[in-house]
Amino acid sequence: MASANDIVRKTLDKYTVPDWVRPYIFRHAKAHPISAVKFALSFVDTKRRKGEVTRGYVRLPNGLKIRMEYILRVLNLFYYGEKRMSEMYRRWSEKTSEPNLAYSERFHNTAEADGMHARAVKNLIEGLGYKIGEAPKELIEVFDYVEGIGSWNDRIIAAAIVLRRAYADAFGRMFYKVFYPAAPEFMRSFGKAFEDSDASWEYQEATRIIRNGTVLQEHVLELTRGILLKVLYSISANMQMAQRSGIEPEVKLLSEIAIAYPFHTLREIGIDVDVDKEVEGIKRSIAAFKRKSDREKNRKGR
């Protein structure tokens, strides 16, 4: 009889999950063994079962139902992210304290592409019969912070390594792969918003900047930590909806992968970084901030 790890491993092989992601998933499976094995086994053996999209929920081929309100929240986050990336790139291409014609032209072109991605996500939301909602203030703060970066080098690293890895690549690609069997007619257009990010000019340029030593490695790490603190807080602050949908453990797993992804990318590029130490440090900082925030709320409530 196959062990729990064998079942989960079979699922990971089917979905070609990268090796560095697997320890996070195995730790999740160890903490939630019954639900993780059932979830993994049903993905391996879906046979001819199909998913279902209704007004109230999305049912995956493995039988898992996720409330539509949560699906819409995630889609709205993707829409806002692509929309803000487009607007941010456009502003960077037009106004800068460090004139660089080549970078300005590149960012202008990328702004056009991200604008098309945002429209694809918008079409998906409207195709499901809903309207675009408002972005949470915590996510707005993430993009406001990154947009305020003045150095071209920092902008390129922040956009290509941190934001795209933490949002589009970690959440977007997983969302696409998992939900495609349930609603392929909707997910085809959605998938276009998250393809080929590894081959983008900004990723190649960020790699060149880091490998050439144009910026100090510690500066790159500090930049990454600062942004990822805000990214994780934006996810944690909106965890209640995942709780109501019954998928809080899975969202926490994805959030940890999202925070680890940029650090793993930096290590692949050549920066000496302890990924687990960095992830735990960011998680501790968020936990301490939330405890402090809760104490202040309690004092005000007295």
C-alpha atoms as a PDB file:
ATOM      1  CA  MET A   1       0.000   0.000   0.000  1.00  0.00           C
ATOM      2  CA  ALA A   2       1.351   3.417  -0.963  1.00  0.00           C
ATOM      3  CA  SER A   3       2.446   5.701   1.861  1.00  0.00           C
ATOM      4  CA  ALA A   4       1.139   9.241   2.319  1.00  0.00           C
ATOM      5  CA  ASN A   5       4.390  10.669   0.960  1.00  0.00           C
ATOM      6  CA  ASP A   6       4.207   8.377  -2.088  1.00  0.00           C
ATOM      7  CA  ILE A   7       0.676   9.593  -2.890  1.00  0.00           C
ATOM      8  CA  VAL A   8       1.641  13.239  -2.524  1.00  0.00           C
ATOM      9  CA  ARG A   9       4.847  12.677  -4.506  1.00  0.00           C
ATOM     10  CA  LYS A  10       2.858  11.099  -7.346  1.00  0.00           C
ATOM     11  CA  THR A  11       0.686  14.192  -7.492  1.00  0.00           C
ATOM     12  CA  LEU A  12       3.699  16.497  -7.560  1.00  0.00           C
ATOM     13  CA  ASP A  13       5.215  14.485 -10.393  1.00  0.00           C
ATOM     14  CA  LYS A  14       1.982  14.735 -12.374  1.00  0.00           C
ATOM     15  CA  TYR A  15       1.919  18.505 -12.036  1.00  0.00           C
ATOM     16  CA  THR A  16       5.706  18.811 -12.601  1.00  0.00           C
ATOM     17  CA  VAL A  17       6.155  20.757  -9.368  1.00  0.00           C
ATOM     18  CA  PRO A  18       9.762  22.063  -9.013  1.00  0.00           C
ATOM     19  CA  ASP A  19      12.045  20.236  -6.583  1.00  0.00           C
ATOM     20  CA  TRP A  20      12.517  23.252  -4.307  1.00  0.00           C
ATOM     21  CA  VAL A  21       8.742  23.531  -3.732  1.00  0.00           C
ATOM     22  CA  ARG A  22       8.333  19.938  -2.582  1.00  0.00           C
ATOM     23  CA  PRO A  23       9.661  20.278   1.004  1.00  0.00           C
ATOM     24  CA  TYR A  24       7.021  22.947   1.696  1.00  0.00           C
ATOM     25  CA  ILE A  25       4.273  20.659   0.414  1.00  0.00           C
ATOM     26  CA  PHE A  26       5.549  17.623   2.340  1.00  0.00           C
ATOM     27  CA  ARG A  27       5.607  19.679   5.550  1.00  0.00           C
ATOM     28  CA  HIS A  28       2.021  20.734   4.827  1.00  0.00           C
ATOM     29  CA  ALA A  29       1.032  17.094   4.221  1.00  0.00           C
ATOM     30  CA  LYS A  30       2.665  16.044   7.490  1.00  0.00           C
ATOM     31  CA  ALA A  31       0.697  18.688   9.404  1.00  0.00           C
ATOM     32  CA  HIS A  32      -2.589  17.882   7.614  1.00  0.00           C
ATOM     33  CA  PRO A  33      -2.157  14.219   6.616  1.00  0.00           C
ATOM     34  CA  ILE A  34      -5.748  13.143   5.996  1.00  0.00           C
ATOM     35  CA  SER A  35      -6.893  16.134   3.958  1.00  0.00           C
ATOM     36  CA  ALA A  36      -3.603  16.333   2.050  1.00  0.00           C
ATOM     37  CA  VAL A  37      -3.644  12.669   1.029  1.00  0.00           C
ATOM     38  CA  LYS A  38      -7.311  12.767  -0.017  1.00  0.00           C
ATOM     39  CA  PHE A  39      -6.656  15.933  -1.985  1.00  0.00           C
ATOM     40  CA  ALA A  40      -3.556  14.502  -3.685  1.00  0.00           C
ATOM     41  CA  LEU A  41      -5.045  11.102  -4.408  1.00  0.00           C
ATOM     42  CA  SER A  42      -8.139  12.564  -6.067  1.00  0.00           C
ATOM     43  CA  PHE A  43      -5.946  14.712  -8.322  1.00  0.00           C
ATOM     44  CA  VAL A  44      -3.941  11.682  -9.423  1.00  0.00           C
ATOM     45  CA  ASP A  45      -7.047   9.601 -10.104  1.00  0.00           C
ATOM     46  CA  THR A  46      -9.596  12.052 -11.536  1.00  0.00           C
ATOM     47  CA  LYS A  47     -10.310   9.716 -14.479  1.00  0.00           C
ATOM     48  CA  ARG A  48     -13.137  11.260 -16.488  1.00  0.00           C
ATOM     49  CA  ARG A  49     -14.568  13.344 -13.695  1.00  0.00           C
ATOM     50  CA  LYS A  50     -15.019  16.990 -14.558  1.00  0.00           C
ATOM     51  CA  GLY A  51     -15.251  20.082 -12.448  1.00  0.00           C
ATOM     52  CA  GLU A  52     -18.185  22.420 -12.172  1.00  0.00           C
ATOM     53  CA  VAL A  53     -18.687  26.176 -12.001  1.00  0.00           C
ATOM     54  CA  THR A  54     -21.859  27.491 -10.373  1.00  0.00           C
ATOM     55  CA  ARG A  55     -22.969  30.842  -8.946  1.00  0.00           C
ATOM     56  CA  GLY A  56     -22.072  29.685  -5.449  1.00  0.00           C
ATOM     57  CA  TYR A  57     -18.917  27.640  -5.850  1.00  0.00           C
ATOM     58  CA  VAL A  58     -16.298  26.016  -8.068  1.00  0.00           C
ATOM     59  CA  ARG A  59     -16.039  22.234  -7.706  1.00  0.00           C
ATOM     60  CA  LEU A  60     -12.720  20.763  -8.811  1.00  0.00           C
ATOM     61  CA  PRO A  61     -12.437  17.298 -10.420  1.00  0.00           C
ATOM     62  CA  ASN A  62     -11.295  15.928  -7.041  1.00  0.00           C
ATOM     63  CA  GLY A  63     -14.598  16.994  -5.457  1.00  0.00           C
ATOM     64  CA  LEU A  64     -13.238  19.966  -3.515  1.00  0.00           C
ATOM     65  CA  LYS A  65     -15.687  22.873  -3.440  1.00  0.00           C
ATOM     66  CA  ILE A  66     -14.411  26.429  -3.066  1.00  0.00           C
ATOM     67  CA  ARG A  67     -16.785  29.306  -2.443  1.00  0.00           C
ATOM     68  CA  MET A  68     -17.194  31.613  -5.407  1.00  0.00           C
ATOM     69  CA  GLU A  69     -16.631  34.662  -3.215  1.00  0.00           C
ATOM     70  CA  TYR A  70     -13.084  33.458  -2.561  1.00  0.00           C
ATOM     71  CA  ILE A  71     -12.465  32.694  -6.233  1.00  0.00           C
ATOM     72  CA  LEU A  72     -13.591  36.205  -7.100  1.00  0.00           C
ATOM     73  CA  ARG A  73     -11.361  37.697  -4.406  1.00  0.00           C
ATOM     74  CA  VAL A  74      -8.349  35.911  -5.878  1.00  0.00           C
ATOM     75  CA  LEU A  75      -9.263  36.939  -9.424  1.00  0.00           C
ATOM     76  CA  ASN A  76      -9.670  40.540  -8.321  1.00  0.00           C
ATOM     77  CA  LEU A  77      -6.212  40.420  -6.727  1.00  0.00           C
ATOM     78  CA  PHE A  78      -4.750  39.202 -10.022  1.00  0.00           C
ATOM     79  CA  TYR A  79      -6.620  41.849 -11.957  1.00  0.00           C
ATOM     80  CA  TYR A  80      -5.449  44.611  -9.662  1.00  0.00           C
ATOM     81  CA  GLY A  81      -1.875  43.325  -9.735  1.00  0.00           C
ATOM     82  CA  GLU A  82      -1.680  43.261 -13.532  1.00  0.00           C
ATOM     83  CA  LYS A  83      -3.436  46.629 -13.785  1.00  0.00           C
ATOM     84  CA  ARG A  84      -1.073  48.239 -11.288  1.00  0.00           C
ATOM     85  CA  MET A  85       1.979  46.694 -12.962  1.00  0.00           C
ATOM     86  CA  SER A  86       0.846  48.232 -16.244  1.00  0.00           C
ATOM     87  CA  GLU A  87       0.249  51.653 -14.676  1.00  0.00           C
ATOM     88  CA  MET A  88       3.492  51.498 -12.705  1.00  0.00           C
ATOM     89  CA  TYR A  89       5.535  50.588 -15.756  1.00  0.00           C
ATOM     90  CA  ARG A  90       3.941  53.366 -17.760  1.00  0.00           C
ATOM     91  CA  ARG A  91       4.762  55.962 -15.095  1.00  0.00           C
ATOM     92  CA  TRP A  92       8.327  54.673 -14.812  1.00  0.00           C
ATOM     93  CA  SER A  93       8.721  54.970 -18.572  1.00  0.00           C
ATOM     94  CA  GLU A  94       7.510  58.577 -18.564  1.00  0.00           C
ATOM     95  CA  LYS A  95       8.835  60.079 -15.328  1.00  0.00           C
ATOM     96  CA  THR A  96      12.167  59.245 -13.733  1.00  0.00           C
ATOM     97  CA  SER A  97      14.985  60.954 -11.888  1.00  0.00           C
ATOM     98  CA  GLU A  98      17.449  58.698 -13.758  1.00  0.00           C
ATOM     99  CA  PRO A  99      16.804  59.113 -17.515  1.00  0.00           C
ATOM    100  CA  ASN A 100      17.425  55.886 -19.437  1.00  0.00           C
ATOM    101  CA  LEU A 101      15.905  55.800 -22.907  1.00  0.00           C
ATOM    102  CA  ALA A 102      16.378  52.030 -23.357  1.00  0.00           C
ATOM    103  CA  TYR A 103      14.700  51.161 -20.053  1.00  0.00           C
ATOM    104  CA  SER A 104      11.912  53.684 -20.637  1.00  0.00           C
ATOM    105  CA  GLU A 105      11.086  52.108 -23.989  1.00  0.00           C
ATOM    106  CA  ARG A 106      11.190  48.603 -22.554  1.00  0.00           C
ATOM    107  CA  PHE A 107       8.903  49.491 -19.648  1.00  0.00           C
ATOM    108  CA  HIS A 108       6.494  51.220 -22.024  1.00  0.00           C
ATOM    109  CA  ASN A 109       6.196  48.004 -24.057  1.00  0.00           C
ATOM    110  CA  THR A 110       5.802  45.867 -20.936  1.00  0.00           C
ATOM    111  CA  ALA A 111       3.087  48.226 -19.710  1.00  0.00           C
ATOM    112  CA  GLU A 112       1.134  47.451 -22.879  1.00  0.00           C
ATOM    113  CA  ALA A 113       1.515  43.698 -22.308  1.00  0.00           C
ATOM    114  CA  ASP A 114       0.412  43.883 -18.681  1.00  0.00           C
ATOM    115  CA  GLY A 115      -2.558  45.986 -19.729  1.00  0.00           C
ATOM    116  CA  MET A 116      -3.604  43.162 -22.042  1.00  0.00           C
ATOM    117  CA  HIS A 117      -3.157  40.682 -19.185  1.00  0.00           C
ATOM    118  CA  ALA A 118      -5.392  42.773 -16.933  1.00  0.00           C
ATOM    119  CA  ARG A 119      -8.090  42.823 -19.594  1.00  0.00           C
ATOM    120  CA  ALA A 120      -7.873  39.023 -19.913  1.00  0.00           C
ATOM    121  CA  VAL A 121      -8.472  38.633 -16.173  1.00  0.00           C
ATOM    122  CA  LYS A 122     -11.297  41.199 -16.323  1.00  0.00           C
ATOM    123  CA  ASN A 123     -12.910  39.207 -19.126  1.00  0.00           C
ATOM    124  CA  LEU A 124     -12.727  36.069 -16.992  1.00  0.00           C
ATOM    125  CA  ILE A 125     -14.453  37.778 -14.055  1.00  0.00           C
ATOM    126  CA  GLU A 126     -17.156  39.209 -16.272  1.00  0.00           C
ATOM    127  CA  GLY A 127     -17.493  35.873 -18.092  1.00  0.00           C
ATOM    128  CA  LEU A 128     -18.382  34.325 -14.745  1.00  0.00           C
ATOM    129  CA  GLY A 129     -21.127  36.934 -14.415  1.00  0.00           C
ATOM    130  CA  TYR A 130     -19.518  39.286 -11.886  1.00  0.00           C
ATOM    131  CA  LYS A 131     -18.094  42.800 -11.750  1.00  0.00           C
ATOM    132  CA  ILE A 132     -14.613  43.949 -10.751  1.00  0.00           C
ATOM    133  CA  GLY A 133     -14.368  44.534  -7.004  1.00  0.00           C
ATOM    134  CA  GLU A 134     -12.179  46.844  -4.959  1.00  0.00           C
ATOM    135  CA  ALA A 135      -8.613  45.903  -4.085  1.00  0.00           C
ATOM    136  CA  PRO A 136      -7.772  45.546  -0.362  1.00  0.00           C
ATOM    137  CA  LYS A 137      -5.785  48.435   1.051  1.00  0.00           C
ATOM    138  CA  GLU A 138      -2.925  46.110   2.045  1.00  0.00           C
ATOM    139  CA  LEU A 139      -2.355  45.145  -1.598  1.00  0.00           C
ATOM    140  CA  ILE A 140      -2.577  48.784  -2.696  1.00  0.00           C
ATOM    141  CA  GLU A 141       0.180  49.575  -0.195  1.00  0.00           C
ATOM    142  CA  VAL A 142       2.449  46.918  -1.743  1.00  0.00           C
ATOM    143  CA  PHE A 143       2.277  48.487  -5.195  1.00  0.00           C
ATOM    144  CA  ASP A 144       2.447  52.042  -3.856  1.00  0.00           C
ATOM    145  CA  TYR A 145       5.686  51.077  -2.100  1.00  0.00           C
ATOM    146  CA  VAL A 146       7.249  49.490  -5.188  1.00  0.00           C
ATOM    147  CA  GLU A 147       6.113  52.294  -7.487  1.00  0.00           C
ATOM    148  CA  GLY A 148       7.946  54.765  -5.233  1.00  0.00           C
ATOM    149  CA  ILE A 149      11.309  53.078  -5.910  1.00  0.00           C
ATOM    150  CA  GLY A 150      13.517  55.540  -7.793  1.00  0.00           C
ATOM    151  CA  SER A 151      16.539  53.502  -8.966  1.00  0.00           C
ATOM    152  CA  TRP A 152      16.218  51.688 -12.292  1.00  0.00           C
ATOM    153  CA  ASN A 153      18.220  48.732 -10.977  1.00  0.00           C
ATOM    154  CA  ASP A 154      15.990  48.397  -7.928  1.00  0.00           C
ATOM    155  CA  ARG A 155      12.864  48.781 -10.039  1.00  0.00           C
ATOM    156  CA  ILE A 156      13.857  45.957 -12.352  1.00  0.00           C
ATOM    157  CA  ILE A 157      14.803  43.612  -9.499  1.00  0.00           C
ATOM    158  CA  ALA A 158      11.655  44.477  -7.540  1.00  0.00           C
ATOM    159  CA  ALA A 159       9.344  43.909 -10.500  1.00  0.00           C
ATOM    160  CA  ALA A 160      10.956  40.873 -12.124  1.00  0.00           C
ATOM    161  CA  ILE A 161      12.262  38.929  -9.132  1.00  0.00           C
ATOM    162  CA  VAL A 162       9.947  39.888  -6.274  1.00  0.00           C
ATOM    163  CA  LEU A 163       6.496  40.898  -7.503  1.00  0.00           C
ATOM    164  CA  ARG A 164       6.186  38.509 -10.424  1.00  0.00           C
ATOM    165  CA  ARG A 165       7.570  35.577  -8.460  1.00  0.00           C
ATOM    166  CA  ALA A 166       5.495  36.225  -5.332  1.00  0.00           C
ATOM    167  CA  TYR A 167       2.183  36.977  -7.051  1.00  0.00           C
ATOM    168  CA  ALA A 168       1.933  35.897 -10.675  1.00  0.00           C
ATOM    169  CA  ASP A 169       4.229  32.867 -10.658  1.00  0.00           C
ATOM    170  CA  ALA A 170       3.405  31.447  -7.222  1.00  0.00           C
ATOM    171  CA  PHE A 171      -0.349  32.072  -7.064  1.00  0.00           C
ATOM    172  CA  GLY A 172      -1.202  32.636 -10.714  1.00  0.00           C
ATOM    173  CA  ARG A 173       0.303  29.510 -12.209  1.00  0.00           C
ATOM    174  CA  MET A 174      -0.979  27.246  -9.438  1.00  0.00           C
ATOM    175  CA  PHE A 175      -4.454  28.774  -9.745  1.00  0.00           C
ATOM    176  CA  TYR A 176      -4.406  28.198 -13.494  1.00  0.00           C
ATOM    177  CA  LYS A 177      -3.257  24.560 -13.315  1.00  0.00           C
ATOM    178  CA  VAL A 178      -5.713  23.615 -10.578  1.00  0.00           C
ATOM    179  CA  PHE A 179      -8.798  25.319 -12.007  1.00  0.00           C
ATOM    180  CA  TYR A 180      -8.300  24.587 -15.704  1.00  0.00           C
ATOM    181  CA  PRO A 181     -10.028  21.159 -15.509  1.00  0.00           C
ATOM    182  CA  ALA A 182     -13.081  22.776 -13.893  1.00  0.00           C
ATOM    183  CA  ALA A 183     -13.536  25.616 -16.362  1.00  0.00           C
ATOM    184  CA  PRO A 184     -11.254  25.355 -19.418  1.00  0.00           C
ATOM    185  CA  GLU A 185     -13.359  27.784 -21.453  1.00  0.00           C
ATOM    186  CA  PHE A 186     -12.652  30.499 -18.871  1.00  0.00           C
ATOM    187  CA  MET A 187      -9.117  29.522 -17.910  1.00  0.00           C
ATOM    188  CA  ARG A 188      -7.622  29.640 -21.416  1.00  0.00           C
ATOM    189  CA  SER A 189      -7.790  33.434 -21.499  1.00  0.00           C
ATOM    190  CA  PHE A 190      -6.764  33.684 -17.851  1.00  0.00           C
ATOM    191  CA  GLY A 191      -3.648  31.604 -18.475  1.00  0.00           C
ATOM    192  CA  LYS A 192      -2.377  34.102 -21.022  1.00  0.00           C
ATOM    193  CA  ALA A 193      -1.858  36.599 -18.213  1.00  0.00           C
ATOM    194  CA  PHE A 194       0.819  34.481 -16.573  1.00  0.00           C
ATOM    195  CA  GLU A 195       2.839  32.864 -19.341  1.00  0.00           C
ATOM    196  CA  ASP A 196       6.531  33.222 -20.174  1.00  0.00           C
ATOM    197  CA  SER A 197       7.479  35.484 -17.250  1.00  0.00           C
ATOM    198  CA  ASP A 198      10.854  33.703 -16.970  1.00  0.00           C
ATOM    199  CA  ALA A 199      11.717  34.776 -20.525  1.00  0.00           C
ATOM    200  CA  SER A 200      10.782  38.421 -20.093  1.00  0.00           C
ATOM    201  CA  TRP A 201      13.377  41.096 -20.677  1.00  0.00           C
ATOM    202  CA  GLU A 202      13.072  42.383 -17.124  1.00  0.00           C
ATOM    203  CA  TYR A 203      14.005  38.997 -15.633  1.00  0.00           C
ATOM    204  CA  GLN A 204      17.013  38.711 -17.944  1.00  0.00           C
ATOM    205  CA  GLU A 205      18.068  42.258 -17.101  1.00  0.00           C
ATOM    206  CA  ALA A 206      17.643  41.684 -13.352  1.00  0.00           C
ATOM    207  CA  THR A 207      19.821  38.580 -13.666  1.00  0.00           C
ATOM    208  CA  ARG A 208      22.493  40.563 -15.533  1.00  0.00           C
ATOM    209  CA  ILE A 209      22.466  43.383 -12.939  1.00  0.00           C
ATOM    210  CA  ILE A 210      22.858  40.964 -10.031  1.00  0.00           C
ATOM    211  CA  ARG A 211      25.497  38.723 -11.616  1.00  0.00           C
ATOM    212  CA  ASN A 212      27.582  41.689 -12.743  1.00  0.00           C
ATOM    213  CA  GLY A 213      27.643  43.056  -9.205  1.00  0.00           C
ATOM    214  CA  THR A 214      26.038  46.328 -10.319  1.00  0.00           C
ATOM    215  CA  VAL A 215      24.257  46.381  -6.954  1.00  0.00           C
ATOM    216  CA  LEU A 216      25.525  44.894  -3.696  1.00  0.00           C
ATOM    217  CA  GLN A 217      24.062  41.527  -2.771  1.00  0.00           C
ATOM    218  CA  GLU A 218      23.020  42.702   0.690  1.00  0.00           C
ATOM    219  CA  HIS A 219      21.164  45.603  -0.910  1.00  0.00           C
ATOM    220  CA  VAL A 220      19.290  43.141  -3.140  1.00  0.00           C
ATOM    221  CA  LEU A 221      18.342  41.074  -0.083  1.00  0.00           C
ATOM    222  CA  GLU A 222      17.198  44.124   1.883  1.00  0.00           C
ATOM    223  CA  LEU A 223      15.095  45.279  -1.066  1.00  0.00           C
ATOM    224  CA  THR A 224      13.542  41.820  -1.370  1.00  0.00           C
ATOM    225  CA  ARG A 225      12.825  41.526   2.362  1.00  0.00           C
ATOM    226  CA  GLY A 226      11.174  44.933   2.491  1.00  0.00           C
ATOM    227  CA  ILE A 227       8.772  44.148  -0.346  1.00  0.00           C
ATOM    228  CA  LEU A 228       8.004  40.592   0.786  1.00  0.00           C
ATOM    229  CA  LEU A 229       7.094  41.796   4.274  1.00  0.00           C
ATOM    230  CA  LYS A 230       4.345  43.860   2.669  1.00  0.00           C
ATOM    231  CA  VAL A 231       3.383  41.023   0.333  1.00  0.00           C
ATOM    232  CA  LEU A 232       2.933  38.525   3.170  1.00  0.00           C
ATOM    233  CA  TYR A 233       1.008  41.056   5.227  1.00  0.00           C
ATOM    234  CA  SER A 234      -1.333  41.661   2.281  1.00  0.00           C
ATOM    235  CA  ILE A 235      -2.044  37.914   2.159  1.00  0.00           C
ATOM    236  CA  SER A 236      -2.355  37.442   5.930  1.00  0.00           C
ATOM    237  CA  ALA A 237      -4.689  40.410   6.327  1.00  0.00           C
ATOM    238  CA  ASN A 238      -7.196  38.773   3.972  1.00  0.00           C
ATOM    239  CA  MET A 239      -7.051  35.229   5.373  1.00  0.00           C
ATOM    240  CA  GLN A 240     -10.587  35.261   6.803  1.00  0.00           C
ATOM    241  CA  MET A 241     -12.126  34.572   3.410  1.00  0.00           C
ATOM    242  CA  ALA A 242      -9.895  31.520   2.982  1.00  0.00           C
ATOM    243  CA  GLN A 243     -11.058  30.358   6.406  1.00  0.00           C
ATOM    244  CA  ARG A 244     -14.691  30.658   5.354  1.00  0.00           C
ATOM    245  CA  SER A 245     -13.911  28.702   2.194  1.00  0.00           C
ATOM    246  CA  GLY A 246     -12.262  25.911   4.187  1.00  0.00           C
ATOM    247  CA  ILE A 247      -8.887  26.248   2.446  1.00  0.00           C
ATOM    248  CA  GLU A 248      -6.881  28.249   4.983  1.00  0.00           C
ATOM    249  CA  PRO A 249      -4.085  25.616   5.256  1.00  0.00           C
ATOM    250  CA  GLU A 250      -3.676  25.532   1.468  1.00  0.00           C
ATOM    251  CA  VAL A 251      -3.563  29.337   1.205  1.00  0.00           C
ATOM    252  CA  LYS A 252      -0.991  29.490   4.002  1.00  0.00           C
ATOM    253  CA  LEU A 253       1.071  26.925   2.101  1.00  0.00           C
ATOM    254  CA  LEU A 254       0.885  28.988  -1.090  1.00  0.00           C
ATOM    255  CA  SER A 255       1.777  32.170   0.791  1.00  0.00           C
ATOM    256  CA  GLU A 256       4.909  30.498   2.183  1.00  0.00           C
ATOM    257  CA  ILE A 257       5.874  29.342  -1.311  1.00  0.00           C
ATOM    258  CA  ALA A 258       5.217  32.853  -2.618  1.00  0.00           C
ATOM    259  CA  ILE A 259       7.634  34.344  -0.078  1.00  0.00           C
ATOM    260  CA  ALA A 260      10.262  31.663  -0.706  1.00  0.00           C
ATOM    261  CA  TYR A 261      10.114  31.899  -4.514  1.00  0.00           C
ATOM    262  CA  PRO A 262      12.004  35.220  -4.898  1.00  0.00           C
ATOM    263  CA  PHE A 263      14.738  34.043  -2.521  1.00  0.00           C
ATOM    264  CA  HIS A 264      15.119  30.770  -4.408  1.00  0.00           C
ATOM    265  CA  THR A 265      15.379  32.765  -7.630  1.00  0.00           C
ATOM    266  CA  LEU A 266      18.094  34.966  -6.128  1.00  0.00           C
ATOM    267  CA  ARG A 267      20.014  31.870  -5.043  1.00  0.00           C
ATOM    268  CA  GLU A 268      19.779  30.445  -8.568  1.00  0.00           C
ATOM    269  CA  ILE A 269      21.134  33.719  -9.934  1.00  0.00           C
ATOM    270  CA  GLY A 270      24.116  33.489  -7.607  1.00  0.00           C
ATOM    271  CA  ILE A 271      23.326  35.254  -4.330  1.00  0.00           C
ATOM    272  CA  ASP A 272      24.334  33.375  -1.178  1.00  0.00           C
ATOM    273  CA  VAL A 273      21.057  33.264   0.752  1.00  0.00           C
ATOM    274  CA  ASP A 274      19.572  30.915   3.342  1.00  0.00           C
ATOM    275  CA  VAL A 275      16.013  30.677   1.998  1.00  0.00           C
ATOM    276  CA  ASP A 276      14.458  28.986   5.041  1.00  0.00           C
ATOM    277  CA  LYS A 277      16.039  31.544   7.376  1.00  0.00           C
ATOM    278  CA  GLU A 278      14.737  34.428   5.260  1.00  0.00           C
ATOM    279  CA  VAL A 279      11.204  33.013   5.072  1.00  0.00           C
ATOM    280  CA  GLU A 280      11.055  32.358   8.816  1.00  0.00           C
ATOM    281  CA  GLY A 281      12.370  35.846   9.525  1.00  0.00           C
ATOM    282  CA  ILE A 282       9.623  37.449   7.456  1.00  0.00           C
ATOM    283  CA  LYS A 283       6.952  35.239   9.046  1.00  0.00           C
ATOM    284  CA  ARG A 284       8.179  36.176  12.541  1.00  0.00           C
ATOM    285  CA  SER A 285       8.119  39.871  11.659  1.00  0.00           C
ATOM    286  CA  ILE A 286       4.524  39.618  10.413  1.00  0.00           C
ATOM    287  CA  ALA A 287       3.451  37.653  13.503  1.00  0.00           C
ATOM    288  CA  ALA A 288       5.045  40.252  15.811  1.00  0.00           C
ATOM    289  CA  PHE A 289       3.383  43.092  13.883  1.00  0.00           C
ATOM    290  CA  LYS A 290      -0.034  41.416  14.117  1.00  0.00           C
ATOM    291  CA  ARG A 291       0.360  40.827  17.870  1.00  0.00           C
ATOM    292  CA  LYS A 292       1.230  44.484  18.361  1.00  0.00           C
ATOM    293  CA  SER A 293      -1.712  45.547  16.184  1.00  0.00           C
ATOM    294  CA  ASP A 294      -4.100  43.302  18.128  1.00  0.00           C
ATOM    295  CA  ARG A 295      -2.903  44.745  21.463  1.00  0.00           C
ATOM    296  CA  GLU A 296      -3.502  48.274  20.209  1.00  0.00           C
ATOM    297  CA  LYS A 297      -7.002  47.349  19.029  1.00  0.00           C
ATOM    298  CA  ASN A 298      -7.786  45.794  22.389  1.00  0.00           C
ATOM    299  CA  ARG A 299      -6.609  48.913  24.245  1.00  0.00           C
ATOM    300  CA  LYS A 300      -8.770  51.127  22.057  1.00  0.00           C
ATOM    301  CA  GLY A 301     -11.744  48.827  22.600  1.00  0.00           C
ATOM    302  CA  ARG A 302     -11.635  49.153  26.376  1.00  0.00           C
END
